[in-house]
């Protein structure tokens, strides 16, 4: 449910060429069923001319309610179409979380 809310808001705000929102909560030390850690890959030409910090701030502003309501972490990978093509349409793999799987 949280993932879908994130997708809906990002799609409306950024009109992405490509978007992937992955719930990575299971990889972290959180209670089972938590929706608190997400990886977002967002490719949008709205990012042309913006540095990473500005891109991330605009995403945080768009998702302010979700961040206030329990989303603890967003791993953001933001690209223009040209940047994305230069990466051969792949985003970095998330590193393992220290302490993952220690809570039931």
PDB file of N, CA and C in Angstrom:
ATOM      1  N   UNK A   1       0.821  -1.198   0.000  1.00  0.00           N
ATOM      2  CA  UNK A   1       0.000   0.000   0.000  1.00  0.00           C
ATOM      3  C   UNK A   1       0.866   1.264   0.000  1.00  0.00           C
ATOM      4  N   UNK A   2       1.877   1.322   0.859  1.00  0.00           N
ATOM      5  CA  UNK A   2       2.749   2.493   0.903  1.00  0.00           C
ATOM      6  C   UNK A   2       3.498   2.625  -0.424  1.00  0.00           C
ATOM      7  N   UNK A   3       3.973   1.511  -0.953  1.00  0.00           N
ATOM      8  CA  UNK A   3       4.687   1.543  -2.226  1.00  0.00           C
ATOM      9  C   UNK A   3       3.806   2.141  -3.323  1.00  0.00           C
ATOM     10  N   UNK A   4       2.553   1.741  -3.350  1.00  0.00           N
ATOM     11  CA  UNK A   4       1.633   2.257  -4.361  1.00  0.00           C
ATOM     12  C   UNK A   4       1.400   3.757  -4.203  1.00  0.00           C
ATOM     13  N   UNK A   5       1.317   4.236  -2.950  1.00  0.00           N
ATOM     14  CA  UNK A   5       1.156   5.673  -2.703  1.00  0.00           C
ATOM     15  C   UNK A   5       2.379   6.436  -3.217  1.00  0.00           C
ATOM     16  N   UNK A   6       3.546   5.892  -2.941  1.00  0.00           N
ATOM     17  CA  UNK A   6       4.783   6.521  -3.404  1.00  0.00           C
ATOM     18  C   UNK A   6       4.797   6.577  -4.927  1.00  0.00           C
ATOM     19  N   UNK A   7       4.474   5.462  -5.566  1.00  0.00           N
ATOM     20  CA  UNK A   7       4.458   5.423  -7.031  1.00  0.00           C
ATOM     21  C   UNK A   7       3.492   6.440  -7.616  1.00  0.00           C
ATOM     22  N   UNK A   8       2.302   6.512  -7.057  1.00  0.00           N
ATOM     23  CA  UNK A   8       1.279   7.430  -7.563  1.00  0.00           C
ATOM     24  C   UNK A   8       1.741   8.879  -7.471  1.00  0.00           C
ATOM     25  N   UNK A   9       2.302   9.257  -6.332  1.00  0.00           N
ATOM     26  CA  UNK A   9       2.749  10.643  -6.143  1.00  0.00           C
ATOM     27  C   UNK A   9       3.935  10.973  -7.048  1.00  0.00           C
ATOM     28  N   UNK A  10       4.885  10.055  -7.152  1.00  0.00           N
ATOM     29  CA  UNK A  10       6.056  10.322  -7.994  1.00  0.00           C
ATOM     30  C   UNK A  10       5.674  10.378  -9.470  1.00  0.00           C
ATOM     31  N   UNK A  11       4.776   9.514  -9.890  1.00  0.00           N
ATOM     32  CA  UNK A  11       4.330   9.523 -11.288  1.00  0.00           C
ATOM     33  C   UNK A  11       3.670  10.859 -11.631  1.00  0.00           C
ATOM     34  N   UNK A  12       2.828  11.350 -10.747  1.00  0.00           N
ATOM     35  CA  UNK A  12       2.133  12.626 -10.972  1.00  0.00           C
ATOM     36  C   UNK A  12       3.094  13.803 -10.966  1.00  0.00           C
ATOM     37  N   UNK A  13       4.072  13.790 -10.084  1.00  0.00           N
ATOM     38  CA  UNK A  13       4.974  14.934  -9.931  1.00  0.00           C
ATOM     39  C   UNK A  13       6.088  14.979 -10.965  1.00  0.00           C
ATOM     40  N   UNK A  14       6.548  13.814 -11.420  1.00  0.00           N
ATOM     41  CA  UNK A  14       7.756  13.790 -12.248  1.00  0.00           C
ATOM     42  C   UNK A  14       7.568  13.217 -13.657  1.00  0.00           C
ATOM     43  N   UNK A  15       6.405  12.674 -13.960  1.00  0.00           N
ATOM     44  CA  UNK A  15       6.151  12.093 -15.282  1.00  0.00           C
ATOM     45  C   UNK A  15       7.354  11.262 -15.744  1.00  0.00           C
ATOM     46  N   UNK A  16       7.687  10.211 -15.003  1.00  0.00           N
ATOM     47  CA  UNK A  16       8.916   9.464 -15.286  1.00  0.00           C
ATOM     48  C   UNK A  16       8.895   8.703 -16.603  1.00  0.00           C
ATOM     49  N   UNK A  17      10.080   8.611 -17.191  1.00  0.00           N
ATOM     50  CA  UNK A  17      10.313   7.760 -18.356  1.00  0.00           C
ATOM     51  C   UNK A  17      10.428   6.322 -17.854  1.00  0.00           C
ATOM     52  N   UNK A  18      11.021   6.178 -16.681  1.00  0.00           N
ATOM     53  CA  UNK A  18      11.151   4.875 -16.013  1.00  0.00           C
ATOM     54  C   UNK A  18      11.079   5.134 -14.512  1.00  0.00           C
ATOM     55  N   UNK A  19      10.408   4.230 -13.812  1.00  0.00           N
ATOM     56  CA  UNK A  19      10.341   4.339 -12.358  1.00  0.00           C
ATOM     57  C   UNK A  19      10.241   2.941 -11.772  1.00  0.00           C
ATOM     58  N   UNK A  20      10.987   2.736 -10.706  1.00  0.00           N
ATOM     59  CA  UNK A  20      10.893   1.491  -9.958  1.00  0.00           C
ATOM     60  C   UNK A  20      10.930   1.849  -8.480  1.00  0.00           C
ATOM     61  N   UNK A  21       9.944   1.379  -7.745  1.00  0.00           N
ATOM     62  CA  UNK A  21       9.888   1.583  -6.299  1.00  0.00           C
ATOM     63  C   UNK A  21       9.881   0.189  -5.676  1.00  0.00           C
ATOM     64  N   UNK A  22      10.934  -0.095  -4.906  1.00  0.00           N
ATOM     65  CA  UNK A  22      11.102  -1.417  -4.321  1.00  0.00           C
ATOM     66  C   UNK A  22      11.044  -1.304  -2.803  1.00  0.00           C
ATOM     67  N   UNK A  23      10.162  -2.090  -2.195  1.00  0.00           N
ATOM     68  CA  UNK A  23      10.086  -2.147  -0.732  1.00  0.00           C
ATOM     69  C   UNK A  23      11.217  -3.051  -0.247  1.00  0.00           C
ATOM     70  N   UNK A  24      12.227  -2.451   0.357  1.00  0.00           N
ATOM     71  CA  UNK A  24      13.378  -3.201   0.857  1.00  0.00           C
ATOM     72  C   UNK A  24      13.332  -3.360   2.383  1.00  0.00           C
ATOM     73  N   UNK A  25      12.180  -3.183   2.970  1.00  0.00           N
ATOM     74  CA  UNK A  25      12.035  -3.265   4.423  1.00  0.00           C
ATOM     75  C   UNK A  25      12.494  -4.617   4.957  1.00  0.00           C
ATOM     76  N   UNK A  26      12.226  -5.673   4.221  1.00  0.00           N
ATOM     77  CA  UNK A  26      12.590  -7.021   4.657  1.00  0.00           C
ATOM     78  C   UNK A  26      14.101  -7.177   4.843  1.00  0.00           C
ATOM     79  N   UNK A  27      14.875  -6.306   4.226  1.00  0.00           N
ATOM     80  CA  UNK A  27      16.334  -6.367   4.310  1.00  0.00           C
ATOM     81  C   UNK A  27      16.869  -5.641   5.540  1.00  0.00           C
ATOM     82  N   UNK A  28      15.984  -5.081   6.347  1.00  0.00           N
ATOM     83  CA  UNK A  28      16.389  -4.267   7.483  1.00  0.00           C
ATOM     84  C   UNK A  28      15.844  -4.840   8.785  1.00  0.00           C
ATOM     85  N   UNK A  29      16.356  -4.341   9.870  1.00  0.00           N
ATOM     86  CA  UNK A  29      15.975  -4.805  11.192  1.00  0.00           C
ATOM     87  C   UNK A  29      14.685  -4.104  11.624  1.00  0.00           C
ATOM     88  N   UNK A  30      13.573  -4.538  11.022  1.00  0.00           N
ATOM     89  CA  UNK A  30      12.261  -3.965  11.321  1.00  0.00           C
ATOM     90  C   UNK A  30      11.274  -5.115  11.519  1.00  0.00           C
ATOM     91  N   UNK A  31      10.162  -4.853  12.179  1.00  0.00           N
ATOM     92  CA  UNK A  31       9.162  -5.912  12.355  1.00  0.00           C
ATOM     93  C   UNK A  31       8.648  -6.416  11.002  1.00  0.00           C
ATOM     94  N   UNK A  32       8.338  -7.705  10.958  1.00  0.00           N
ATOM     95  CA  UNK A  32       7.803  -8.318   9.746  1.00  0.00           C
ATOM     96  C   UNK A  32       6.555  -7.562   9.287  1.00  0.00           C
ATOM     97  N   UNK A  33       6.468  -7.312   8.004  1.00  0.00           N
ATOM     98  CA  UNK A  33       5.329  -6.593   7.442  1.00  0.00           C
ATOM     99  C   UNK A  33       5.503  -5.082   7.397  1.00  0.00           C
ATOM    100  N   UNK A  34       6.621  -4.592   7.904  1.00  0.00           N
ATOM    101  CA  UNK A  34       6.871  -3.145   7.871  1.00  0.00           C
ATOM    102  C   UNK A  34       7.030  -2.657   6.440  1.00  0.00           C
ATOM    103  N   UNK A  35       6.597  -1.451   6.201  1.00  0.00           N
ATOM    104  CA  UNK A  35       6.815  -0.780   4.917  1.00  0.00           C
ATOM    105  C   UNK A  35       7.523   0.530   5.242  1.00  0.00           C
ATOM    106  N   UNK A  36       8.840   0.435   5.458  1.00  0.00           N
ATOM    107  CA  UNK A  36       9.559   1.593   5.961  1.00  0.00           C
ATOM    108  C   UNK A  36      10.824   1.950   5.193  1.00  0.00           C
ATOM    109  N   UNK A  37      11.336   1.038   4.387  1.00  0.00           N
ATOM    110  CA  UNK A  37      12.571   1.261   3.648  1.00  0.00           C
ATOM    111  C   UNK A  37      12.320   1.006   2.162  1.00  0.00           C
ATOM    112  N   UNK A  38      12.588   2.019   1.339  1.00  0.00           N
ATOM    113  CA  UNK A  38      12.307   1.888  -0.083  1.00  0.00           C
ATOM    114  C   UNK A  38      13.493   2.324  -0.931  1.00  0.00           C
ATOM    115  N   UNK A  39      13.654   1.653  -2.051  1.00  0.00           N
ATOM    116  CA  UNK A  39      14.613   2.050  -3.078  1.00  0.00           C
ATOM    117  C   UNK A  39      13.785   2.628  -4.222  1.00  0.00           C
ATOM    118  N   UNK A  40      14.149   3.829  -4.649  1.00  0.00           N
ATOM    119  CA  UNK A  40      13.437   4.500  -5.734  1.00  0.00           C
ATOM    120  C   UNK A  40      14.420   4.795  -6.858  1.00  0.00           C
ATOM    121  N   UNK A  41      14.107   4.271  -8.029  1.00  0.00           N
ATOM    122  CA  UNK A  41      14.847   4.609  -9.238  1.00  0.00           C
ATOM    123  C   UNK A  41      13.884   5.442 -10.072  1.00  0.00           C
ATOM    124  N   UNK A  42      14.259   6.686 -10.339  1.00  0.00           N
ATOM    125  CA  UNK A  42      13.363   7.605 -11.029  1.00  0.00           C
ATOM    126  C   UNK A  42      14.116   8.293 -12.167  1.00  0.00           C
ATOM    127  N   UNK A  43      13.620   8.071 -13.374  1.00  0.00           N
ATOM    128  CA  UNK A  43      14.208   8.669 -14.565  1.00  0.00           C
ATOM    129  C   UNK A  43      13.198   9.662 -15.118  1.00  0.00           C
ATOM    130  N   UNK A  44      13.586  10.927 -15.119  1.00  0.00           N
ATOM    131  CA  UNK A  44      12.669  11.976 -15.574  1.00  0.00           C
ATOM    132  C   UNK A  44      13.462  13.128 -16.180  1.00  0.00           C
ATOM    133  N   UNK A  45      12.960  13.651 -17.253  1.00  0.00           N
ATOM    134  CA  UNK A  45      13.619  14.807 -17.848  1.00  0.00           C
ATOM    135  C   UNK A  45      13.328  16.086 -17.074  1.00  0.00           C
ATOM    136  N   UNK A  46      12.519  16.000 -16.037  1.00  0.00           N
ATOM    137  CA  UNK A  46      12.342  17.143 -15.134  1.00  0.00           C
ATOM    138  C   UNK A  46      13.617  17.393 -14.332  1.00  0.00           C
ATOM    139  N   UNK A  47      14.530  16.423 -14.333  1.00  0.00           N
ATOM    140  CA  UNK A  47      15.786  16.556 -13.609  1.00  0.00           C
ATOM    141  C   UNK A  47      16.886  17.229 -14.437  1.00  0.00           C
ATOM    142  N   UNK A  48      16.617  17.506 -15.696  1.00  0.00           N
ATOM    143  CA  UNK A  48      17.639  18.135 -16.538  1.00  0.00           C
ATOM    144  C   UNK A  48      18.068  19.458 -15.907  1.00  0.00           C
ATOM    145  N   UNK A  49      19.377  19.627 -15.741  1.00  0.00           N
ATOM    146  CA  UNK A  49      19.924  20.848 -15.172  1.00  0.00           C
ATOM    147  C   UNK A  49      19.934  20.904 -13.657  1.00  0.00           C
ATOM    148  N   UNK A  50      19.428  19.860 -12.995  1.00  0.00           N
ATOM    149  CA  UNK A  50      19.408  19.834 -11.535  1.00  0.00           C
ATOM    150  C   UNK A  50      20.502  18.921 -11.003  1.00  0.00           C
ATOM    151  N   UNK A  51      21.090  19.311  -9.904  1.00  0.00           N
ATOM    152  CA  UNK A  51      22.049  18.450  -9.211  1.00  0.00           C
ATOM    153  C   UNK A  51      21.288  17.448  -8.350  1.00  0.00           C
ATOM    154  N   UNK A  52      21.991  16.432  -7.897  1.00  0.00           N
ATOM    155  CA  UNK A  52      21.363  15.375  -7.082  1.00  0.00           C
ATOM    156  C   UNK A  52      20.621  15.922  -5.873  1.00  0.00           C
ATOM    157  N   UNK A  53      21.220  16.870  -5.183  1.00  0.00           N
ATOM    158  CA  UNK A  53      20.591  17.407  -3.985  1.00  0.00           C
ATOM    159  C   UNK A  53      19.226  18.019  -4.292  1.00  0.00           C
ATOM    160  N   UNK A  54      19.128  18.775  -5.361  1.00  0.00           N
ATOM    161  CA  UNK A  54      17.847  19.381  -5.741  1.00  0.00           C
ATOM    162  C   UNK A  54      16.835  18.309  -6.136  1.00  0.00           C
ATOM    163  N   UNK A  55      17.298  17.293  -6.825  1.00  0.00           N
ATOM    164  CA  UNK A  55      16.411  16.187  -7.213  1.00  0.00           C
ATOM    165  C   UNK A  55      15.855  15.500  -5.979  1.00  0.00           C
ATOM    166  N   UNK A  56      16.743  15.204  -5.033  1.00  0.00           N
ATOM    167  CA  UNK A  56      16.320  14.513  -3.822  1.00  0.00           C
ATOM    168  C   UNK A  56      15.377  15.375  -2.990  1.00  0.00           C
ATOM    169  N   UNK A  57      15.674  16.656  -2.887  1.00  0.00           N
ATOM    170  CA  UNK A  57      14.787  17.551  -2.137  1.00  0.00           C
ATOM    171  C   UNK A  57      13.392  17.592  -2.732  1.00  0.00           C
ATOM    172  N   UNK A  58      13.311  17.580  -4.055  1.00  0.00           N
ATOM    173  CA  UNK A  58      11.984  17.623  -4.677  1.00  0.00           C
ATOM    174  C   UNK A  58      11.217  16.316  -4.423  1.00  0.00           C
ATOM    175  N   UNK A  59      11.920  15.217  -4.356  1.00  0.00           N
ATOM    176  CA  UNK A  59      11.265  13.943  -4.033  1.00  0.00           C
ATOM    177  C   UNK A  59      10.823  13.941  -2.575  1.00  0.00           C
ATOM    178  N   UNK A  60      11.698  14.410  -1.671  1.00  0.00           N
ATOM    179  CA  UNK A  60      11.323  14.480  -0.257  1.00  0.00           C
ATOM    180  C   UNK A  60      10.091  15.364  -0.060  1.00  0.00           C
ATOM    181  N   UNK A  61      10.017  16.462  -0.772  1.00  0.00           N
ATOM    182  CA  UNK A  61       8.861  17.352  -0.662  1.00  0.00           C
ATOM    183  C   UNK A  61       7.597  16.649  -1.162  1.00  0.00           C
ATOM    184  N   UNK A  62       7.727  15.923  -2.249  1.00  0.00           N
ATOM    185  CA  UNK A  62       6.586  15.198  -2.815  1.00  0.00           C
ATOM    186  C   UNK A  62       6.096  14.113  -1.864  1.00  0.00           C
ATOM    187  N   UNK A  63       7.020  13.490  -1.153  1.00  0.00           N
ATOM    188  CA  UNK A  63       6.678  12.374  -0.265  1.00  0.00           C
ATOM    189  C   UNK A  63       6.691  12.773   1.217  1.00  0.00           C
ATOM    190  N   UNK A  64       6.490  14.037   1.501  1.00  0.00           N
ATOM    191  CA  UNK A  64       6.558  14.529   2.884  1.00  0.00           C
ATOM    192  C   UNK A  64       5.604  13.778   3.809  1.00  0.00           C
ATOM    193  N   UNK A  65       4.404  13.503   3.357  1.00  0.00           N
ATOM    194  CA  UNK A  65       3.428  12.813   4.209  1.00  0.00           C
ATOM    195  C   UNK A  65       3.870  11.379   4.504  1.00  0.00           C
ATOM    196  N   UNK A  66       4.384  10.680   3.514  1.00  0.00           N
ATOM    197  CA  UNK A  66       4.846   9.305   3.718  1.00  0.00           C
ATOM    198  C   UNK A  66       6.043   9.265   4.670  1.00  0.00           C
ATOM    199  N   UNK A  67       6.927  10.237   4.537  1.00  0.00           N
ATOM    200  CA  UNK A  67       8.086  10.312   5.433  1.00  0.00           C
ATOM    201  C   UNK A  67       7.645  10.628   6.862  1.00  0.00           C
ATOM    202  N   UNK A  68       6.620  11.419   7.018  1.00  0.00           N
ATOM    203  CA  UNK A  68       6.102  11.741   8.349  1.00  0.00           C
ATOM    204  C   UNK A  68       5.334  10.565   8.952  1.00  0.00           C
ATOM    205  N   UNK A  69       4.797   9.705   8.097  1.00  0.00           N
ATOM    206  CA  UNK A  69       3.941   8.601   8.560  1.00  0.00           C
ATOM    207  C   UNK A  69       4.646   7.250   8.651  1.00  0.00           C
ATOM    208  N   UNK A  70       5.960   7.216   8.660  1.00  0.00           N
ATOM    209  CA  UNK A  70       6.613   5.935   8.912  1.00  0.00           C
ATOM    210  C   UNK A  70       7.611   5.452   7.891  1.00  0.00           C
ATOM    211  N   UNK A  71       7.712   6.105   6.737  1.00  0.00           N
ATOM    212  CA  UNK A  71       8.775   5.726   5.816  1.00  0.00           C
ATOM    213  C   UNK A  71      10.070   6.242   6.437  1.00  0.00           C
ATOM    214  N   UNK A  72      10.945   5.317   6.737  1.00  0.00           N
ATOM    215  CA  UNK A  72      12.173   5.635   7.471  1.00  0.00           C
ATOM    216  C   UNK A  72      13.331   5.951   6.533  1.00  0.00           C
ATOM    217  N   UNK A  73      13.366   5.299   5.367  1.00  0.00           N
ATOM    218  CA  UNK A  73      14.518   5.465   4.482  1.00  0.00           C
ATOM    219  C   UNK A  73      14.110   5.369   3.018  1.00  0.00           C
ATOM    220  N   UNK A  74      14.711   6.247   2.230  1.00  0.00           N
ATOM    221  CA  UNK A  74      14.564   6.211   0.784  1.00  0.00           C
ATOM    222  C   UNK A  74      15.960   6.175   0.173  1.00  0.00           C
ATOM    223  N   UNK A  75      16.253   5.128  -0.566  1.00  0.00           N
ATOM    224  CA  UNK A  75      17.486   5.075  -1.340  1.00  0.00           C
ATOM    225  C   UNK A  75      17.113   5.628  -2.707  1.00  0.00           C
ATOM    226  N   UNK A  76      17.580   6.824  -3.017  1.00  0.00           N
ATOM    227  CA  UNK A  76      17.167   7.514  -4.238  1.00  0.00           C
ATOM    228  C   UNK A  76      18.232   7.421  -5.321  1.00  0.00           C
ATOM    229  N   UNK A  77      17.799   7.015  -6.494  1.00  0.00           N
ATOM    230  CA  UNK A  77      18.651   6.956  -7.679  1.00  0.00           C
ATOM    231  C   UNK A  77      17.885   7.731  -8.755  1.00  0.00           C
ATOM    232  N   UNK A  78      18.337   8.953  -9.020  1.00  0.00           N
ATOM    233  CA  UNK A  78      17.604   9.861  -9.903  1.00  0.00           C
ATOM    234  C   UNK A  78      18.443  10.189 -11.132  1.00  0.00           C
ATOM    235  N   UNK A  79      17.810  10.113 -12.290  1.00  0.00           N
ATOM    236  CA  UNK A  79      18.535  10.307 -13.542  1.00  0.00           C
ATOM    237  C   UNK A  79      17.668  11.024 -14.566  1.00  0.00           C
ATOM    238  N   UNK A  80      18.334  11.716 -15.475  1.00  0.00           N
ATOM    239  CA  UNK A  80      17.672  12.185 -16.688  1.00  0.00           C
ATOM    240  C   UNK A  80      17.666  11.006 -17.656  1.00  0.00           C
ATOM    241  N   UNK A  81      16.927  11.113 -18.728  1.00  0.00           N
ATOM    242  CA  UNK A  81      16.907  10.036 -19.722  1.00  0.00           C
ATOM    243  C   UNK A  81      18.304   9.790 -20.274  1.00  0.00           C
ATOM    244  N   UNK A  82      19.030  10.840 -20.575  1.00  0.00           N
ATOM    245  CA  UNK A  82      20.380  10.705 -21.127  1.00  0.00           C
ATOM    246  C   UNK A  82      21.317  10.014 -20.134  1.00  0.00           C
ATOM    247  N   UNK A  83      21.253  10.405 -18.868  1.00  0.00           N
ATOM    248  CA  UNK A  83      22.085   9.769 -17.837  1.00  0.00           C
ATOM    249  C   UNK A  83      21.749   8.279 -17.711  1.00  0.00           C
ATOM    250  N   UNK A  84      20.451   7.971 -17.729  1.00  0.00           N
ATOM    251  CA  UNK A  84      19.979   6.602 -17.589  1.00  0.00           C
ATOM    252  C   UNK A  84      20.475   5.739 -18.744  1.00  0.00           C
ATOM    253  N   UNK A  85      20.391   6.264 -19.940  1.00  0.00           N
ATOM    254  CA  UNK A  85      20.872   5.525 -21.111  1.00  0.00           C
ATOM    255  C   UNK A  85      22.376   5.280 -21.007  1.00  0.00           C
ATOM    256  N   UNK A  86      23.111   6.249 -20.456  1.00  0.00           N
ATOM    257  CA  UNK A  86      24.546   6.089 -20.265  1.00  0.00           C
ATOM    258  C   UNK A  86      24.893   5.016 -19.250  1.00  0.00           C
ATOM    259  N   UNK A  87      23.956   4.700 -18.375  1.00  0.00           N
ATOM    260  CA  UNK A  87      24.144   3.634 -17.381  1.00  0.00           C
ATOM    261  C   UNK A  87      23.602   2.295 -17.880  1.00  0.00           C
ATOM    262  N   UNK A  88      23.210   2.265 -19.143  1.00  0.00           N
ATOM    263  CA  UNK A  88      22.637   1.063 -19.758  1.00  0.00           C
ATOM    264  C   UNK A  88      21.382   0.612 -19.007  1.00  0.00           C
ATOM    265  N   UNK A  89      20.613   1.590 -18.545  1.00  0.00           N
ATOM    266  CA  UNK A  89      19.317   1.359 -17.904  1.00  0.00           C
ATOM    267  C   UNK A  89      19.411   0.470 -16.664  1.00  0.00           C
ATOM    268  N   UNK A  90      20.446   0.659 -15.862  1.00  0.00           N
ATOM    269  CA  UNK A  90      20.584  -0.103 -14.624  1.00  0.00           C
ATOM    270  C   UNK A  90      20.955   0.820 -13.468  1.00  0.00           C
ATOM    271  N   UNK A  91      20.387   0.544 -12.321  1.00  0.00           N
ATOM    272  CA  UNK A  91      20.692   1.305 -11.106  1.00  0.00           C
ATOM    273  C   UNK A  91      21.568   0.449 -10.195  1.00  0.00           C
ATOM    274  N   UNK A  92      22.276   1.075  -9.272  1.00  0.00           N
ATOM    275  CA  UNK A  92      23.104   0.318  -8.332  1.00  0.00           C
ATOM    276  C   UNK A  92      22.270  -0.643  -7.480  1.00  0.00           C
ATOM    277  N   UNK A  93      22.876  -1.739  -7.107  1.00  0.00           N
ATOM    278  CA  UNK A  93      22.250  -2.699  -6.208  1.00  0.00           C
ATOM    279  C   UNK A  93      22.407  -2.185  -4.780  1.00  0.00           C
ATOM    280  N   UNK A  94      21.370  -2.339  -3.989  1.00  0.00           N
ATOM    281  CA  UNK A  94      21.427  -1.883  -2.601  1.00  0.00           C
ATOM    282  C   UNK A  94      22.363  -2.773  -1.791  1.00  0.00           C
ATOM    283  N   UNK A  95      23.172  -2.165  -0.920  1.00  0.00           N
ATOM    284  CA  UNK A  95      24.058  -2.959  -0.073  1.00  0.00           C
ATOM    285  C   UNK A  95      23.254  -3.658   1.022  1.00  0.00           C
ATOM    286  N   UNK A  96      23.818  -4.723   1.594  1.00  0.00           N
ATOM    287  CA  UNK A  96      23.109  -5.381   2.703  1.00  0.00           C
ATOM    288  C   UNK A  96      23.055  -4.475   3.927  1.00  0.00           C
ATOM    289  N   UNK A  97      22.023  -4.645   4.708  1.00  0.00           N
ATOM    290  CA  UNK A  97      21.858  -3.863   5.930  1.00  0.00           C
ATOM    291  C   UNK A  97      22.518  -4.588   7.090  1.00  0.00           C
ATOM    292  N   UNK A  98      23.282  -3.859   7.881  1.00  0.00           N
ATOM    293  CA  UNK A  98      23.851  -4.459   9.094  1.00  0.00           C
ATOM    294  C   UNK A  98      22.716  -4.738  10.058  1.00  0.00           C
ATOM    295  N   UNK A  99      22.678  -5.926  10.581  1.00  0.00           N
ATOM    296  CA  UNK A  99      21.646  -6.279  11.552  1.00  0.00           C
ATOM    297  C   UNK A  99      20.351  -6.746  10.949  1.00  0.00           C
ATOM    298  N   UNK A 100      20.294  -6.892   9.635  1.00  0.00           N
ATOM    299  CA  UNK A 100      19.063  -7.334   8.992  1.00  0.00           C
ATOM    300  C   UNK A 100      18.714  -8.736   9.451  1.00  0.00           C
ATOM    301  N   UNK A 101      17.436  -8.960   9.597  1.00  0.00           N
ATOM    302  CA  UNK A 101      16.969 -10.287   9.956  1.00  0.00           C
ATOM    303  C   UNK A 101      17.107 -10.628  11.429  1.00  0.00           C
ATOM    304  N   UNK A 102      17.455  -9.665  12.276  1.00  0.00           N
ATOM    305  CA  UNK A 102      17.628  -9.972  13.695  1.00  0.00           C
ATOM    306  C   UNK A 102      16.371  -9.734  14.503  1.00  0.00           C
ATOM    307  N   UNK A 103      15.344  -9.190  13.879  1.00  0.00           N
ATOM    308  CA  UNK A 103      14.104  -8.939  14.592  1.00  0.00           C
ATOM    309  C   UNK A 103      13.000  -9.759  13.953  1.00  0.00           C
ATOM    310  N   UNK A 104      12.146 -10.348  14.744  1.00  0.00           N
ATOM    311  CA  UNK A 104      11.054 -11.184  14.219  1.00  0.00           C
ATOM    312  C   UNK A 104       9.867 -10.357  13.841  1.00  0.00           C
TER     313      UNK A 104
END
